[in-house]
């Protein structure tokens, strides 16, 4: 498991409101079921994002993605 991912496992099961209190709003639209949070850049310059998926207003999945964008 990615160390960034394991660091955010505590978010599992939280409501959207609880995630907002912990992580902030950033550019996420509240009604959507997928939110992203910028974490860092890799040494090559890729951006690392935390992707949070909600089901019935609760965190159901957490992923780490990397992108050049």
PDB file of N, CA and C in Angstrom:
ATOM      1  N   UNK A   1       0.837  -1.181   0.000  1.00  0.00           N
ATOM      2  CA  UNK A   1       0.000   0.000   0.000  1.00  0.00           C
ATOM      3  C   UNK A   1       0.879   1.241   0.000  1.00  0.00           C
ATOM      4  N   UNK A   2       0.524   2.195  -0.817  1.00  0.00           N
ATOM      5  CA  UNK A   2       1.225   3.476  -0.896  1.00  0.00           C
ATOM      6  C   UNK A   2       1.199   4.149   0.471  1.00  0.00           C
ATOM      7  N   UNK A   3       2.352   4.683   0.909  1.00  0.00           N
ATOM      8  CA  UNK A   3       2.399   5.303   2.240  1.00  0.00           C
ATOM      9  C   UNK A   3       1.468   6.499   2.328  1.00  0.00           C
ATOM     10  N   UNK A   4       1.259   7.235   1.205  1.00  0.00           N
ATOM     11  CA  UNK A   4       0.305   8.339   1.204  1.00  0.00           C
ATOM     12  C   UNK A   4      -1.116   7.826   1.405  1.00  0.00           C
ATOM     13  N   UNK A   5      -1.410   6.672   0.810  1.00  0.00           N
ATOM     14  CA  UNK A   5      -2.740   6.092   0.937  1.00  0.00           C
ATOM     15  C   UNK A   5      -2.996   5.630   2.366  1.00  0.00           C
ATOM     16  N   UNK A   6      -2.047   4.924   2.949  1.00  0.00           N
ATOM     17  CA  UNK A   6      -2.243   4.439   4.321  1.00  0.00           C
ATOM     18  C   UNK A   6      -2.355   5.596   5.306  1.00  0.00           C
ATOM     19  N   UNK A   7      -1.713   6.712   4.988  1.00  0.00           N
ATOM     20  CA  UNK A   7      -1.774   7.897   5.843  1.00  0.00           C
ATOM     21  C   UNK A   7      -3.178   8.504   5.870  1.00  0.00           C
ATOM     22  N   UNK A   8      -3.992   8.219   4.852  1.00  0.00           N
ATOM     23  CA  UNK A   8      -5.333   8.796   4.749  1.00  0.00           C
ATOM     24  C   UNK A   8      -6.456   7.781   4.992  1.00  0.00           C
ATOM     25  N   UNK A   9      -6.125   6.586   5.431  1.00  0.00           N
ATOM     26  CA  UNK A   9      -7.134   5.556   5.673  1.00  0.00           C
ATOM     27  C   UNK A   9      -8.159   5.974   6.726  1.00  0.00           C
ATOM     28  N   UNK A  10      -7.786   6.880   7.614  1.00  0.00           N
ATOM     29  CA  UNK A  10      -8.712   7.327   8.667  1.00  0.00           C
ATOM     30  C   UNK A  10      -9.949   8.027   8.082  1.00  0.00           C
ATOM     31  N   UNK A  11      -9.890   8.413   6.809  1.00  0.00           N
ATOM     32  CA  UNK A  11     -11.023   9.074   6.164  1.00  0.00           C
ATOM     33  C   UNK A  11     -12.150   8.099   5.812  1.00  0.00           C
ATOM     34  N   UNK A  12     -11.842   6.815   5.745  1.00  0.00           N
ATOM     35  CA  UNK A  12     -12.853   5.817   5.384  1.00  0.00           C
ATOM     36  C   UNK A  12     -14.058   5.911   6.324  1.00  0.00           C
ATOM     37  N   UNK A  13     -15.249   5.968   5.726  1.00  0.00           N
ATOM     38  CA  UNK A  13     -16.481   5.999   6.506  1.00  0.00           C
ATOM     39  C   UNK A  13     -16.916   7.383   6.955  1.00  0.00           C
ATOM     40  N   UNK A  14     -16.063   8.407   6.771  1.00  0.00           N
ATOM     41  CA  UNK A  14     -16.451   9.755   7.182  1.00  0.00           C
ATOM     42  C   UNK A  14     -17.490  10.329   6.215  1.00  0.00           C
ATOM     43  N   UNK A  15     -18.303  11.248   6.706  1.00  0.00           N
ATOM     44  CA  UNK A  15     -19.269  11.934   5.853  1.00  0.00           C
ATOM     45  C   UNK A  15     -18.564  13.039   5.068  1.00  0.00           C
ATOM     46  N   UNK A  16     -19.245  13.591   4.085  1.00  0.00           N
ATOM     47  CA  UNK A  16     -18.682  14.695   3.306  1.00  0.00           C
ATOM     48  C   UNK A  16     -18.362  15.881   4.212  1.00  0.00           C
ATOM     49  N   UNK A  17     -19.256  16.169   5.128  1.00  0.00           N
ATOM     50  CA  UNK A  17     -19.040  17.294   6.049  1.00  0.00           C
ATOM     51  C   UNK A  17     -17.792  17.064   6.899  1.00  0.00           C
ATOM     52  N   UNK A  18     -17.594  15.834   7.373  1.00  0.00           N
ATOM     53  CA  UNK A  18     -16.412  15.515   8.174  1.00  0.00           C
ATOM     54  C   UNK A  18     -15.140  15.636   7.343  1.00  0.00           C
ATOM     55  N   UNK A  19     -15.187  15.203   6.075  1.00  0.00           N
ATOM     56  CA  UNK A  19     -14.020  15.327   5.190  1.00  0.00           C
ATOM     57  C   UNK A  19     -13.694  16.803   4.978  1.00  0.00           C
ATOM     58  N   UNK A  20     -14.709  17.632   4.769  1.00  0.00           N
ATOM     59  CA  UNK A  20     -14.481  19.068   4.609  1.00  0.00           C
ATOM     60  C   UNK A  20     -13.800  19.661   5.836  1.00  0.00           C
ATOM     61  N   UNK A  21     -14.214  19.239   7.011  1.00  0.00           N
ATOM     62  CA  UNK A  21     -13.603  19.744   8.245  1.00  0.00           C
ATOM     63  C   UNK A  21     -12.133  19.358   8.359  1.00  0.00           C
ATOM     64  N   UNK A  22     -11.790  18.174   7.871  1.00  0.00           N
ATOM     65  CA  UNK A  22     -10.423  17.673   7.975  1.00  0.00           C
ATOM     66  C   UNK A  22      -9.541  18.176   6.831  1.00  0.00           C
ATOM     67  N   UNK A  23     -10.047  18.095   5.595  1.00  0.00           N
ATOM     68  CA  UNK A  23      -9.230  18.343   4.404  1.00  0.00           C
ATOM     69  C   UNK A  23      -9.442  19.723   3.783  1.00  0.00           C
ATOM     70  N   UNK A  24     -10.546  20.385   4.087  1.00  0.00           N
ATOM     71  CA  UNK A  24     -10.861  21.656   3.448  1.00  0.00           C
ATOM     72  C   UNK A  24     -11.631  21.439   2.160  1.00  0.00           C
ATOM     73  N   UNK A  25     -12.090  22.534   1.541  1.00  0.00           N
ATOM     74  CA  UNK A  25     -12.945  22.428   0.353  1.00  0.00           C
ATOM     75  C   UNK A  25     -12.155  22.225  -0.930  1.00  0.00           C
ATOM     76  N   UNK A  26     -11.058  22.892  -1.079  1.00  0.00           N
ATOM     77  CA  UNK A  26     -10.281  22.911  -2.321  1.00  0.00           C
ATOM     78  C   UNK A  26     -11.213  23.229  -3.474  1.00  0.00           C
ATOM     79  N   UNK A  27     -11.193  22.481  -4.585  1.00  0.00           N
ATOM     80  CA  UNK A  27     -12.062  22.779  -5.729  1.00  0.00           C
ATOM     81  C   UNK A  27     -13.128  21.714  -5.912  1.00  0.00           C
ATOM     82  N   UNK A  28     -13.609  21.146  -4.824  1.00  0.00           N
ATOM     83  CA  UNK A  28     -14.593  20.075  -4.911  1.00  0.00           C
ATOM     84  C   UNK A  28     -16.009  20.628  -4.807  1.00  0.00           C
ATOM     85  N   UNK A  29     -16.883  20.104  -5.661  1.00  0.00           N
ATOM     86  CA  UNK A  29     -18.290  20.488  -5.659  1.00  0.00           C
ATOM     87  C   UNK A  29     -19.029  19.511  -4.739  1.00  0.00           C
ATOM     88  N   UNK A  30     -19.662  20.044  -3.707  1.00  0.00           N
ATOM     89  CA  UNK A  30     -20.230  19.215  -2.631  1.00  0.00           C
ATOM     90  C   UNK A  30     -21.117  18.071  -3.128  1.00  0.00           C
ATOM     91  N   UNK A  31     -22.029  18.290  -4.082  1.00  0.00           N
ATOM     92  CA  UNK A  31     -22.913  17.186  -4.490  1.00  0.00           C
ATOM     93  C   UNK A  31     -22.221  16.028  -5.219  1.00  0.00           C
ATOM     94  N   UNK A  32     -21.037  16.240  -5.762  1.00  0.00           N
ATOM     95  CA  UNK A  32     -20.367  15.165  -6.498  1.00  0.00           C
ATOM     96  C   UNK A  32     -19.907  14.049  -5.563  1.00  0.00           C
ATOM     97  N   UNK A  33     -19.804  12.844  -6.119  1.00  0.00           N
ATOM     98  CA  UNK A  33     -19.393  11.681  -5.321  1.00  0.00           C
ATOM     99  C   UNK A  33     -17.917  11.353  -5.443  1.00  0.00           C
ATOM    100  N   UNK A  34     -17.147  12.152  -6.190  1.00  0.00           N
ATOM    101  CA  UNK A  34     -15.696  11.972  -6.290  1.00  0.00           C
ATOM    102  C   UNK A  34     -15.045  13.327  -6.044  1.00  0.00           C
ATOM    103  N   UNK A  35     -14.193  13.390  -5.044  1.00  0.00           N
ATOM    104  CA  UNK A  35     -13.450  14.606  -4.712  1.00  0.00           C
ATOM    105  C   UNK A  35     -11.967  14.317  -4.857  1.00  0.00           C
ATOM    106  N   UNK A  36     -11.199  15.334  -5.232  1.00  0.00           N
ATOM    107  CA  UNK A  36      -9.750  15.183  -5.329  1.00  0.00           C
ATOM    108  C   UNK A  36      -9.053  16.255  -4.501  1.00  0.00           C
ATOM    109  N   UNK A  37      -7.921  15.881  -3.948  1.00  0.00           N
ATOM    110  CA  UNK A  37      -7.085  16.792  -3.171  1.00  0.00           C
ATOM    111  C   UNK A  37      -5.646  16.657  -3.651  1.00  0.00           C
ATOM    112  N   UNK A  38      -5.036  17.780  -3.981  1.00  0.00           N
ATOM    113  CA  UNK A  38      -3.627  17.797  -4.368  1.00  0.00           C
ATOM    114  C   UNK A  38      -2.782  17.503  -3.132  1.00  0.00           C
ATOM    115  N   UNK A  39      -1.825  16.568  -3.257  1.00  0.00           N
ATOM    116  CA  UNK A  39      -0.952  16.225  -2.142  1.00  0.00           C
ATOM    117  C   UNK A  39       0.454  16.798  -2.314  1.00  0.00           C
ATOM    118  N   UNK A  40       1.055  16.559  -3.502  1.00  0.00           N
ATOM    119  CA  UNK A  40       2.449  16.985  -3.698  1.00  0.00           C
ATOM    120  C   UNK A  40       2.844  16.768  -5.149  1.00  0.00           C
ATOM    121  N   UNK A  41       4.063  17.153  -5.501  1.00  0.00           N
ATOM    122  CA  UNK A  41       4.688  16.821  -6.778  1.00  0.00           C
ATOM    123  C   UNK A  41       5.753  15.764  -6.531  1.00  0.00           C
ATOM    124  N   UNK A  42       5.888  14.840  -7.487  1.00  0.00           N
ATOM    125  CA  UNK A  42       6.993  13.887  -7.410  1.00  0.00           C
ATOM    126  C   UNK A  42       8.267  14.606  -7.826  1.00  0.00           C
ATOM    127  N   UNK A  43       9.401  13.969  -7.656  1.00  0.00           N
ATOM    128  CA  UNK A  43      10.661  14.611  -8.023  1.00  0.00           C
ATOM    129  C   UNK A  43      10.765  14.816  -9.531  1.00  0.00           C
ATOM    130  N   UNK A  44       9.950  14.069 -10.314  1.00  0.00           N
ATOM    131  CA  UNK A  44       9.913  14.264 -11.760  1.00  0.00           C
ATOM    132  C   UNK A  44       8.911  15.337 -12.179  1.00  0.00           C
ATOM    133  N   UNK A  45       8.114  15.801 -11.243  1.00  0.00           N
ATOM    134  CA  UNK A  45       7.154  16.850 -11.546  1.00  0.00           C
ATOM    135  C   UNK A  45       5.709  16.410 -11.696  1.00  0.00           C
ATOM    136  N   UNK A  46       5.446  15.099 -11.588  1.00  0.00           N
ATOM    137  CA  UNK A  46       4.058  14.641 -11.635  1.00  0.00           C
ATOM    138  C   UNK A  46       3.332  15.120 -10.382  1.00  0.00           C
ATOM    139  N   UNK A  47       2.055  15.453 -10.553  1.00  0.00           N
ATOM    140  CA  UNK A  47       1.241  15.852  -9.411  1.00  0.00           C
ATOM    141  C   UNK A  47       0.592  14.613  -8.805  1.00  0.00           C
ATOM    142  N   UNK A  48       0.590  14.556  -7.485  1.00  0.00           N
ATOM    143  CA  UNK A  48       0.002  13.431  -6.756  1.00  0.00           C
ATOM    144  C   UNK A  48      -1.288  13.905  -6.113  1.00  0.00           C
ATOM    145  N   UNK A  49      -2.373  13.168  -6.378  1.00  0.00           N
ATOM    146  CA  UNK A  49      -3.690  13.537  -5.862  1.00  0.00           C
ATOM    147  C   UNK A  49      -4.277  12.421  -5.010  1.00  0.00           C
ATOM    148  N   UNK A  50      -4.996  12.821  -3.983  1.00  0.00           N
ATOM    149  CA  UNK A  50      -5.813  11.910  -3.203  1.00  0.00           C
ATOM    150  C   UNK A  50      -7.206  11.971  -3.797  1.00  0.00           C
ATOM    151  N   UNK A  51      -7.747  10.838  -4.204  1.00  0.00           N
ATOM    152  CA  UNK A  51      -9.093  10.756  -4.771  1.00  0.00           C
ATOM    153  C   UNK A  51      -9.982  10.078  -3.744  1.00  0.00           C
ATOM    154  N   UNK A  52     -11.054  10.773  -3.372  1.00  0.00           N
ATOM    155  CA  UNK A  52     -11.982  10.253  -2.368  1.00  0.00           C
ATOM    156  C   UNK A  52     -13.321  10.004  -3.040  1.00  0.00           C
ATOM    157  N   UNK A  53     -13.812   8.767  -2.951  1.00  0.00           N
ATOM    158  CA  UNK A  53     -15.101   8.392  -3.538  1.00  0.00           C
ATOM    159  C   UNK A  53     -16.124   8.217  -2.417  1.00  0.00           C
ATOM    160  N   UNK A  54     -17.313   8.739  -2.651  1.00  0.00           N
ATOM    161  CA  UNK A  54     -18.392   8.665  -1.665  1.00  0.00           C
ATOM    162  C   UNK A  54     -19.510   7.768  -2.172  1.00  0.00           C
ATOM    163  N   UNK A  55     -20.144   7.072  -1.243  1.00  0.00           N
ATOM    164  CA  UNK A  55     -21.344   6.292  -1.509  1.00  0.00           C
ATOM    165  C   UNK A  55     -22.296   6.589  -0.366  1.00  0.00           C
ATOM    166  N   UNK A  56     -23.490   7.085  -0.682  1.00  0.00           N
ATOM    167  CA  UNK A  56     -24.462   7.479   0.353  1.00  0.00           C
ATOM    168  C   UNK A  56     -23.867   8.479   1.330  1.00  0.00           C
ATOM    169  N   UNK A  57     -23.120   9.445   0.795  1.00  0.00           N
ATOM    170  CA  UNK A  57     -22.538  10.546   1.572  1.00  0.00           C
ATOM    171  C   UNK A  57     -21.431  10.110   2.542  1.00  0.00           C
ATOM    172  N   UNK A  58     -20.902   8.910   2.395  1.00  0.00           N
ATOM    173  CA  UNK A  58     -19.805   8.412   3.237  1.00  0.00           C
ATOM    174  C   UNK A  58     -18.651   7.982   2.349  1.00  0.00           C
ATOM    175  N   UNK A  59     -17.425   8.180   2.840  1.00  0.00           N
ATOM    176  CA  UNK A  59     -16.248   7.763   2.072  1.00  0.00           C
ATOM    177  C   UNK A  59     -16.272   6.247   1.913  1.00  0.00           C
ATOM    178  N   UNK A  60     -16.243   5.789   0.649  1.00  0.00           N
ATOM    179  CA  UNK A  60     -16.282   4.354   0.374  1.00  0.00           C
ATOM    180  C   UNK A  60     -14.976   3.846  -0.238  1.00  0.00           C
ATOM    181  N   UNK A  61     -14.179   4.759  -0.805  1.00  0.00           N
ATOM    182  CA  UNK A  61     -12.914   4.356  -1.435  1.00  0.00           C
ATOM    183  C   UNK A  61     -11.957   5.542  -1.436  1.00  0.00           C
ATOM    184  N   UNK A  62     -10.684   5.239  -1.268  1.00  0.00           N
ATOM    185  CA  UNK A  62      -9.632   6.246  -1.317  1.00  0.00           C
ATOM    186  C   UNK A  62      -8.543   5.737  -2.251  1.00  0.00           C
ATOM    187  N   UNK A  63      -8.098   6.585  -3.183  1.00  0.00           N
ATOM    188  CA  UNK A  63      -7.056   6.197  -4.132  1.00  0.00           C
ATOM    189  C   UNK A  63      -6.025   7.323  -4.225  1.00  0.00           C
ATOM    190  N   UNK A  64      -4.836   6.966  -4.655  1.00  0.00           N
ATOM    191  CA  UNK A  64      -3.802   7.939  -4.982  1.00  0.00           C
ATOM    192  C   UNK A  64      -3.572   7.856  -6.490  1.00  0.00           C
ATOM    193  N   UNK A  65      -3.604   9.018  -7.161  1.00  0.00           N
ATOM    194  CA  UNK A  65      -3.320   9.051  -8.582  1.00  0.00           C
ATOM    195  C   UNK A  65      -2.207  10.051  -8.856  1.00  0.00           C
ATOM    196  N   UNK A  66      -1.497   9.831  -9.960  1.00  0.00           N
ATOM    197  CA  UNK A  66      -0.429  10.738 -10.387  1.00  0.00           C
ATOM    198  C   UNK A  66      -0.743  11.199 -11.802  1.00  0.00           C
ATOM    199  N   UNK A  67      -0.493  12.472 -12.064  1.00  0.00           N
ATOM    200  CA  UNK A  67      -0.813  13.043 -13.353  1.00  0.00           C
ATOM    201  C   UNK A  67       0.178  14.123 -13.729  1.00  0.00           C
ATOM    202  N   UNK A  68       0.387  14.320 -15.019  1.00  0.00           N
ATOM    203  CA  UNK A  68       1.242  15.401 -15.494  1.00  0.00           C
ATOM    204  C   UNK A  68       0.482  16.724 -15.518  1.00  0.00           C
ATOM    205  N   UNK A  69      -0.828  16.708 -15.338  1.00  0.00           N
ATOM    206  CA  UNK A  69      -1.664  17.915 -15.409  1.00  0.00           C
ATOM    207  C   UNK A  69      -1.675  18.640 -14.098  1.00  0.00           C
TER     208      UNK A  69
END
